[in-house]
Amino acid sequence: MIFSNIFLFIGPWQYVIIGLAILLLFGGKKIPELMKGLGSGIKEFKDASKEEPNDVKEKDSNA
């Protein structure tokens, strides 16, 4: 309950400061690479979650 309310207290300037901190930590060239990796990871997760029910059905029919 408390954790969900913490996002209500973050204003636009805090987002700017967080963004600048990330930019300073990773640099301008690393951020696109990180986002590409994150996007491909999410895509793989979605594909795996879509394939799972079919695999379960095949295993049940073989048993």
Protein backbone atom coordinates (compact mmCIF):
# COMPACT_ATOMS: atom_id res chain seq x y z
CA MET A 1 0.00 0.00 0.00
CA ILE A 2 2.75 2.43 0.94
CA PHE A 3 4.89 1.45 -2.08
CA SER A 4 2.06 2.16 -4.51
CA ASN A 5 1.60 5.64 -3.04
CA ILE A 6 5.27 6.57 -3.43
CA PHE A 7 4.78 7.18 -7.17
CA LEU A 8 2.21 9.86 -6.39
CA PHE A 9 4.90 11.96 -4.71
CA ILE A 10 7.31 11.91 -7.66
CA GLY A 11 6.95 15.08 -9.71
CA PRO A 12 8.23 16.02 -13.15
CA TRP A 13 11.51 17.43 -11.82
CA GLN A 14 12.30 14.19 -10.06
CA TYR A 15 11.83 12.31 -13.35
CA VAL A 16 14.23 14.74 -15.03
CA ILE A 17 16.83 14.22 -12.31
CA ILE A 18 16.46 10.42 -12.52
CA GLY A 19 16.83 10.59 -16.32
CA LEU A 20 19.97 12.71 -16.05
CA ALA A 21 21.44 10.33 -13.48
CA ILE A 22 20.83 7.37 -15.81
CA LEU A 23 22.36 9.29 -18.69
CA LEU A 24 25.46 10.07 -16.63
CA LEU A 25 25.81 6.49 -15.38
CA PHE A 26 25.41 4.67 -18.70
CA GLY A 27 26.32 7.32 -21.27
CA GLY A 28 24.47 8.29 -24.42
CA LYS A 29 25.74 5.38 -26.53
CA LYS A 30 24.84 2.62 -24.06
CA ILE A 31 21.20 3.60 -23.50
CA PRO A 32 19.95 2.53 -26.98
CA GLU A 33 21.76 -0.80 -26.55
CA LEU A 34 20.15 -1.31 -23.14
CA MET A 35 16.69 -0.50 -24.49
CA LYS A 36 17.21 -2.87 -27.44
CA GLY A 37 18.15 -5.65 -25.04
CA LEU A 38 15.17 -4.89 -22.84
CA GLY A 39 12.81 -4.92 -25.81
CA SER A 40 14.13 -8.23 -27.13
CA GLY A 41 13.85 -9.74 -23.65
CA ILE A 42 10.22 -8.67 -23.35
CA LYS A 43 9.50 -10.04 -26.83
CA GLU A 44 11.07 -13.40 -25.96
CA PHE A 45 9.05 -13.52 -22.73
CA LYS A 46 5.80 -12.86 -24.60
CA ASP A 47 6.63 -15.51 -27.19
CA ALA A 48 7.47 -18.04 -24.49
CA SER A 49 4.27 -17.33 -22.58
CA LYS A 50 2.21 -17.82 -25.75
CA GLU A 51 3.91 -21.14 -26.56
CA GLU A 52 3.60 -22.61 -23.08
CA PRO A 53 -0.08 -23.71 -23.15
CA ASN A 54 0.52 -25.69 -26.36
CA ASP A 55 3.51 -27.46 -24.83
CA VAL A 56 1.48 -28.39 -21.76
CA LYS A 57 -1.33 -29.83 -23.90
CA GLU A 58 1.14 -31.96 -25.88
CA LYS A 59 2.76 -33.30 -22.71
CA ASP A 60 -0.64 -34.20 -21.25
CA SER A 61 -1.71 -36.05 -24.39
CA ASN A 62 1.55 -38.04 -24.45
CA ALA A 63 1.19 -39.17 -20.83
